[in-house]
Amino acid sequence: MKYLTLIRHSESYRQSPPPAALMQAMGQFVEKSRRNGTLVDTGGLLPSKEGARVRLAGGKITVTDGPFAETKEVIGGWAILQADSKAEAIRIATEFMELHRKYWPEFEGESELRPMFDPGVGP
């Protein structure tokens, strides 16, 4: 089954690049995960000031340009995992967050893990 992970953290972490040691460790993690087939795709996101929100409410569509000041946390990155079980997907997401704990000790954030809808899977 495929799982989508969304990494959420304070927008302030986008004001400067992550530590070089973290980027190197993440590069090794990504390479290993691609080779063993558990990582389908991944990517990081630029600051919310570069984005926009398109919202439908009350029958009207509105567009709001970033930054999104009212947001405490933003999605900083994402990954699509291929895992045989939820437990395995959690293990992979935990390993990724462990890299942040080790190489960027002041980092605080979360990884939301969601199974992806595929034909025959889901509601």
N, C-alpha and C. Protein backbone atom coordinates (compact mmCIF):
# COMPACT_ATOMS: atom_id res chain seq x y z
N MET A 1 0.85 -1.18 0.00
CA MET A 1 0.00 0.00 0.00
C MET A 1 0.89 1.24 0.00
N LYS A 2 0.41 2.28 -0.66
CA LYS A 2 1.14 3.54 -0.66
C LYS A 2 0.63 4.43 0.48
N TYR A 3 1.56 5.18 1.05
CA TYR A 3 1.25 6.13 2.12
C TYR A 3 1.85 7.48 1.74
N LEU A 4 1.10 8.55 2.01
CA LEU A 4 1.60 9.90 1.83
C LEU A 4 2.00 10.42 3.20
N THR A 5 3.20 10.96 3.30
CA THR A 5 3.61 11.62 4.53
C THR A 5 3.75 13.11 4.24
N LEU A 6 3.23 13.91 5.12
CA LEU A 6 3.33 15.37 5.04
C LEU A 6 4.13 15.84 6.24
N ILE A 7 5.19 16.57 6.01
CA ILE A 7 6.02 17.07 7.09
C ILE A 7 5.57 18.50 7.39
N ARG A 8 5.11 18.70 8.64
CA ARG A 8 4.63 20.03 9.06
C ARG A 8 5.59 20.60 10.08
N HIS A 9 5.82 21.92 9.96
CA HIS A 9 6.67 22.61 10.91
C HIS A 9 6.42 24.10 10.81
N SER A 10 7.03 24.84 11.70
CA SER A 10 6.89 26.29 11.69
C SER A 10 7.45 26.87 10.39
N GLU A 11 6.80 27.89 9.89
CA GLU A 11 7.27 28.57 8.68
C GLU A 11 8.68 29.15 8.90
N SER A 12 9.03 29.45 10.14
CA SER A 12 10.32 30.06 10.43
C SER A 12 11.49 29.18 10.00
N TYR A 13 11.28 27.86 9.91
CA TYR A 13 12.36 26.97 9.47
C TYR A 13 12.70 27.19 8.00
N ARG A 14 11.88 27.88 7.27
CA ARG A 14 12.13 28.15 5.85
C ARG A 14 12.97 29.43 5.66
N GLN A 15 13.32 30.12 6.74
CA GLN A 15 14.08 31.36 6.62
C GLN A 15 15.56 31.13 6.37
N SER A 16 16.04 29.94 6.67
CA SER A 16 17.43 29.60 6.38
C SER A 16 17.49 28.11 6.05
N PRO A 17 18.52 27.70 5.34
CA PRO A 17 18.58 26.29 4.94
C PRO A 17 18.80 25.37 6.14
N PRO A 18 18.35 24.12 6.02
CA PRO A 18 18.60 23.14 7.08
C PRO A 18 20.09 22.90 7.23
N PRO A 19 20.54 22.36 8.36
CA PRO A 19 21.95 22.06 8.55
C PRO A 19 22.47 21.13 7.45
N ALA A 20 23.71 21.37 7.02
CA ALA A 20 24.32 20.57 5.96
C ALA A 20 24.37 19.09 6.34
N ALA A 21 24.62 18.78 7.61
CA ALA A 21 24.69 17.38 8.05
C ALA A 21 23.34 16.69 7.88
N LEU A 22 22.25 17.42 8.13
CA LEU A 22 20.92 16.85 7.94
C LEU A 22 20.68 16.58 6.46
N MET A 23 21.03 17.53 5.62
CA MET A 23 20.81 17.34 4.18
C MET A 23 21.61 16.14 3.66
N GLN A 24 22.82 15.96 4.14
CA GLN A 24 23.62 14.81 3.73
C GLN A 24 22.99 13.51 4.22
N ALA A 25 22.56 13.48 5.48
CA ALA A 25 21.92 12.27 6.03
C ALA A 25 20.61 11.97 5.30
N MET A 26 19.83 13.02 4.98
CA MET A 26 18.58 12.80 4.26
C MET A 26 18.87 12.28 2.86
N GLY A 27 19.92 12.77 2.22
CA GLY A 27 20.29 12.27 0.90
C GLY A 27 20.60 10.78 0.93
N GLN A 28 21.32 10.35 1.95
CA GLN A 28 21.63 8.92 2.10
C GLN A 28 20.36 8.11 2.38
N PHE A 29 19.49 8.66 3.23
CA PHE A 29 18.22 8.00 3.56
C PHE A 29 17.35 7.84 2.31
N VAL A 30 17.27 8.91 1.52
CA VAL A 30 16.46 8.88 0.30
C VAL A 30 17.02 7.85 -0.69
N GLU A 31 18.34 7.85 -0.87
CA GLU A 31 18.96 6.90 -1.79
C GLU A 31 18.71 5.46 -1.35
N LYS A 32 18.91 5.18 -0.07
CA LYS A 32 18.68 3.83 0.47
C LYS A 32 17.21 3.43 0.29
N SER A 33 16.31 4.36 0.58
CA SER A 33 14.87 4.07 0.51
C SER A 33 14.41 3.87 -0.94
N ARG A 34 14.99 4.59 -1.86
CA ARG A 34 14.66 4.38 -3.28
C ARG A 34 15.15 3.00 -3.73
N ARG A 35 16.37 2.64 -3.32
CA ARG A 35 16.93 1.34 -3.71
C ARG A 35 16.11 0.17 -3.16
N ASN A 36 15.65 0.29 -1.89
CA ASN A 36 14.90 -0.84 -1.32
C ASN A 36 13.40 -0.79 -1.65
N GLY A 37 12.98 0.23 -2.40
CA GLY A 37 11.61 0.29 -2.89
C GLY A 37 10.59 0.88 -1.94
N THR A 38 11.02 1.41 -0.78
CA THR A 38 10.05 1.97 0.16
C THR A 38 9.73 3.44 -0.13
N LEU A 39 10.56 4.11 -0.93
CA LEU A 39 10.30 5.51 -1.26
C LEU A 39 9.93 5.61 -2.74
N VAL A 40 8.72 6.05 -3.00
CA VAL A 40 8.23 6.21 -4.37
C VAL A 40 8.63 7.57 -4.91
N ASP A 41 8.41 8.63 -4.12
CA ASP A 41 8.73 9.99 -4.54
C ASP A 41 8.80 10.87 -3.30
N THR A 42 9.48 11.99 -3.42
CA THR A 42 9.60 12.91 -2.30
C THR A 42 9.89 14.31 -2.80
N GLY A 43 9.67 15.30 -1.96
CA GLY A 43 9.99 16.67 -2.34
C GLY A 43 9.81 17.63 -1.19
N GLY A 44 10.48 18.75 -1.28
CA GLY A 44 10.34 19.82 -0.31
C GLY A 44 9.57 20.97 -0.94
N LEU A 45 9.06 21.84 -0.10
CA LEU A 45 8.28 22.97 -0.58
C LEU A 45 8.95 24.29 -0.20
N LEU A 46 8.80 25.27 -1.07
CA LEU A 46 9.32 26.61 -0.79
C LEU A 46 8.41 27.30 0.23
N PRO A 47 8.84 28.44 0.78
CA PRO A 47 8.02 29.15 1.77
C PRO A 47 6.62 29.48 1.23
N SER A 48 5.67 29.61 2.16
CA SER A 48 4.29 29.86 1.75
C SER A 48 4.12 31.20 1.05
N LYS A 49 5.07 32.13 1.21
CA LYS A 49 4.96 33.42 0.50
C LYS A 49 5.00 33.24 -1.00
N GLU A 50 5.50 32.10 -1.46
CA GLU A 50 5.57 31.80 -2.88
C GLU A 50 4.28 31.14 -3.39
N GLY A 51 3.38 30.77 -2.47
CA GLY A 51 2.20 30.01 -2.85
C GLY A 51 0.91 30.81 -2.84
N ALA A 52 -0.18 30.11 -3.01
CA ALA A 52 -1.52 30.69 -2.99
C ALA A 52 -2.49 29.61 -2.51
N ARG A 53 -3.61 30.06 -2.00
CA ARG A 53 -4.69 29.16 -1.61
C ARG A 53 -5.91 29.48 -2.46
N VAL A 54 -6.53 28.45 -2.99
CA VAL A 54 -7.77 28.59 -3.75
C VAL A 54 -8.84 27.90 -2.91
N ARG A 55 -9.80 28.67 -2.43
CA ARG A 55 -10.79 28.17 -1.48
C ARG A 55 -12.19 28.29 -2.06
N LEU A 56 -13.00 27.24 -1.84
CA LEU A 56 -14.42 27.25 -2.19
C LEU A 56 -15.19 27.26 -0.89
N ALA A 57 -15.97 28.31 -0.67
CA ALA A 57 -16.80 28.41 0.54
C ALA A 57 -18.02 29.26 0.21
N GLY A 58 -19.18 28.82 0.65
CA GLY A 58 -20.41 29.58 0.41
C GLY A 58 -20.70 29.76 -1.07
N GLY A 59 -20.27 28.82 -1.88
CA GLY A 59 -20.53 28.89 -3.31
C GLY A 59 -19.60 29.82 -4.08
N LYS A 60 -18.59 30.39 -3.39
CA LYS A 60 -17.66 31.32 -4.04
C LYS A 60 -16.24 30.78 -3.96
N ILE A 61 -15.48 31.06 -5.01
CA ILE A 61 -14.07 30.69 -5.04
C ILE A 61 -13.24 31.95 -4.81
N THR A 62 -12.33 31.88 -3.85
CA THR A 62 -11.43 33.00 -3.57
C THR A 62 -9.99 32.51 -3.66
N VAL A 63 -9.11 33.43 -4.02
CA VAL A 63 -7.69 33.13 -4.11
C VAL A 63 -6.97 34.06 -3.14
N THR A 64 -6.13 33.48 -2.29
CA THR A 64 -5.34 34.24 -1.33
C THR A 64 -3.87 33.93 -1.58
N ASP A 65 -3.10 34.98 -1.84
CA ASP A 65 -1.66 34.79 -2.02
C ASP A 65 -0.99 34.62 -0.66
N GLY A 66 0.11 33.85 -0.65
CA GLY A 66 0.90 33.68 0.56
C GLY A 66 1.67 34.96 0.85
N PRO A 67 2.25 35.09 2.01
CA PRO A 67 2.37 34.07 3.03
C PRO A 67 1.07 33.93 3.82
N PHE A 68 0.95 32.83 4.51
CA PHE A 68 -0.26 32.53 5.26
C PHE A 68 0.02 32.77 6.74
N ALA A 69 -0.07 34.03 7.13
CA ALA A 69 0.33 34.45 8.48
C ALA A 69 -0.48 33.78 9.57
N GLU A 70 -1.74 33.44 9.29
CA GLU A 70 -2.59 32.84 10.33
C GLU A 70 -2.26 31.37 10.58
N THR A 71 -1.36 30.80 9.80
CA THR A 71 -1.02 29.40 9.92
C THR A 71 0.14 29.23 10.89
N LYS A 72 -0.04 28.37 11.91
CA LYS A 72 1.04 28.10 12.85
C LYS A 72 2.09 27.19 12.22
N GLU A 73 1.64 26.22 11.45
CA GLU A 73 2.55 25.28 10.81
C GLU A 73 2.22 25.20 9.33
N VAL A 74 3.23 24.93 8.52
CA VAL A 74 3.05 24.75 7.09
C VAL A 74 3.58 23.37 6.70
N ILE A 75 3.17 22.91 5.55
CA ILE A 75 3.72 21.67 5.02
C ILE A 75 5.05 22.03 4.37
N GLY A 76 6.12 21.44 4.88
CA GLY A 76 7.45 21.75 4.39
C GLY A 76 7.95 20.75 3.37
N GLY A 77 7.35 19.57 3.36
CA GLY A 77 7.77 18.54 2.43
C GLY A 77 6.80 17.37 2.45
N TRP A 78 7.05 16.43 1.57
CA TRP A 78 6.16 15.29 1.45
C TRP A 78 6.94 14.11 0.89
N ALA A 79 6.39 12.93 1.10
CA ALA A 79 6.97 11.72 0.52
C ALA A 79 5.85 10.72 0.30
N ILE A 80 6.01 9.92 -0.73
CA ILE A 80 5.10 8.80 -0.97
C ILE A 80 5.90 7.54 -0.67
N LEU A 81 5.40 6.77 0.28
CA LEU A 81 6.06 5.54 0.70
C LEU A 81 5.32 4.33 0.16
N GLN A 82 6.03 3.26 -0.06
CA GLN A 82 5.44 1.97 -0.41
C GLN A 82 5.75 1.05 0.77
N ALA A 83 4.72 0.60 1.47
CA ALA A 83 4.93 -0.22 2.66
C ALA A 83 3.92 -1.35 2.70
N ASP A 84 4.32 -2.46 3.29
CA ASP A 84 3.44 -3.62 3.41
C ASP A 84 2.41 -3.46 4.51
N SER A 85 2.66 -2.51 5.45
CA SER A 85 1.73 -2.32 6.56
C SER A 85 1.85 -0.90 7.09
N LYS A 86 0.86 -0.51 7.87
CA LYS A 86 0.90 0.80 8.52
C LYS A 86 2.10 0.86 9.46
N ALA A 87 2.36 -0.24 10.14
CA ALA A 87 3.50 -0.28 11.07
C ALA A 87 4.82 -0.02 10.34
N GLU A 88 4.98 -0.59 9.15
CA GLU A 88 6.20 -0.35 8.38
C GLU A 88 6.28 1.10 7.93
N ALA A 89 5.17 1.68 7.51
CA ALA A 89 5.15 3.09 7.09
C ALA A 89 5.51 3.99 8.28
N ILE A 90 5.00 3.67 9.45
CA ILE A 90 5.33 4.44 10.65
C ILE A 90 6.82 4.31 10.96
N ARG A 91 7.38 3.13 10.80
CA ARG A 91 8.81 2.93 11.04
C ARG A 91 9.64 3.81 10.11
N ILE A 92 9.26 3.87 8.84
CA ILE A 92 9.99 4.68 7.86
C ILE A 92 9.88 6.17 8.22
N ALA A 93 8.68 6.63 8.53
CA ALA A 93 8.47 8.04 8.90
C ALA A 93 9.23 8.38 10.17
N THR A 94 9.27 7.45 11.11
CA THR A 94 10.01 7.67 12.36
C THR A 94 11.50 7.76 12.09
N GLU A 95 12.02 6.92 11.22
CA GLU A 95 13.43 6.96 10.86
C GLU A 95 13.78 8.32 10.24
N PHE A 96 12.90 8.83 9.40
CA PHE A 96 13.12 10.14 8.79
C PHE A 96 13.14 11.24 9.85
N MET A 97 12.19 11.21 10.78
CA MET A 97 12.15 12.22 11.84
C MET A 97 13.34 12.08 12.78
N GLU A 98 13.84 10.87 12.96
CA GLU A 98 15.03 10.64 13.79
C GLU A 98 16.23 11.39 13.21
N LEU A 99 16.32 11.47 11.89
CA LEU A 99 17.41 12.24 11.27
C LEU A 99 17.33 13.70 11.70
N HIS A 100 16.14 14.24 11.76
CA HIS A 100 15.96 15.63 12.20
C HIS A 100 16.36 15.78 13.66
N ARG A 101 15.95 14.82 14.50
CA ARG A 101 16.29 14.90 15.93
C ARG A 101 17.81 14.88 16.11
N LYS A 102 18.48 14.05 15.33
CA LYS A 102 19.93 13.88 15.48
C LYS A 102 20.71 15.05 14.89
N TYR A 103 20.34 15.50 13.70
CA TYR A 103 21.14 16.49 12.99
C TYR A 103 20.63 17.93 13.07
N TRP A 104 19.43 18.12 13.62
CA TRP A 104 18.85 19.46 13.79
C TRP A 104 18.08 19.45 15.10
N PRO A 105 18.79 19.37 16.23
CA PRO A 105 18.14 19.15 17.54
C PRO A 105 17.06 20.16 17.90
N GLU A 106 17.16 21.38 17.41
CA GLU A 106 16.16 22.40 17.76
C GLU A 106 14.89 22.31 16.89
N PHE A 107 14.90 21.45 15.87
CA PHE A 107 13.75 21.29 14.99
C PHE A 107 12.57 20.70 15.77
N GLU A 108 11.40 21.25 15.52
CA GLU A 108 10.15 20.69 16.03
C GLU A 108 9.16 20.63 14.89
N GLY A 109 8.52 19.50 14.74
CA GLY A 109 7.55 19.33 13.67
C GLY A 109 6.92 17.96 13.76
N GLU A 110 6.14 17.64 12.76
CA GLU A 110 5.47 16.34 12.76
C GLU A 110 5.37 15.81 11.34
N SER A 111 5.23 14.51 11.27
CA SER A 111 5.02 13.84 9.99
C SER A 111 3.65 13.19 10.06
N GLU A 112 2.73 13.67 9.24
CA GLU A 112 1.40 13.05 9.16
C GLU A 112 1.47 11.95 8.11
N LEU A 113 0.96 10.80 8.45
CA LEU A 113 1.03 9.62 7.59
C LEU A 113 -0.39 9.22 7.21
N ARG A 114 -0.67 9.14 5.90
CA ARG A 114 -2.02 8.80 5.45
C ARG A 114 -1.95 7.76 4.35
N PRO A 115 -2.77 6.69 4.46
CA PRO A 115 -2.84 5.73 3.37
C PRO A 115 -3.45 6.42 2.15
N MET A 116 -2.96 6.05 0.97
CA MET A 116 -3.44 6.67 -0.26
C MET A 116 -4.54 5.80 -0.88
N PHE A 117 -5.49 6.47 -1.47
CA PHE A 117 -6.60 5.80 -2.16
C PHE A 117 -6.08 5.21 -3.46
N ASP A 118 -6.32 3.96 -3.66
CA ASP A 118 -6.05 3.27 -4.91
C ASP A 118 -7.33 2.55 -5.31
N PRO A 119 -7.51 2.25 -6.58
CA PRO A 119 -8.70 1.48 -6.97
C PRO A 119 -8.80 0.21 -6.13
N GLY A 120 -9.94 0.00 -5.54
CA GLY A 120 -10.17 -1.16 -4.70
C GLY A 120 -9.75 -0.97 -3.25
N VAL A 121 -9.14 0.20 -2.93
CA VAL A 121 -8.73 0.52 -1.57
C VAL A 121 -9.36 1.84 -1.19
N GLY A 122 -10.06 1.88 -0.10
CA GLY A 122 -10.64 3.12 0.36
C GLY A 122 -12.16 3.05 0.41
N PRO A 123 -12.74 4.21 0.65
CA PRO A 123 -14.21 4.24 0.86
C PRO A 123 -14.99 3.89 -0.39
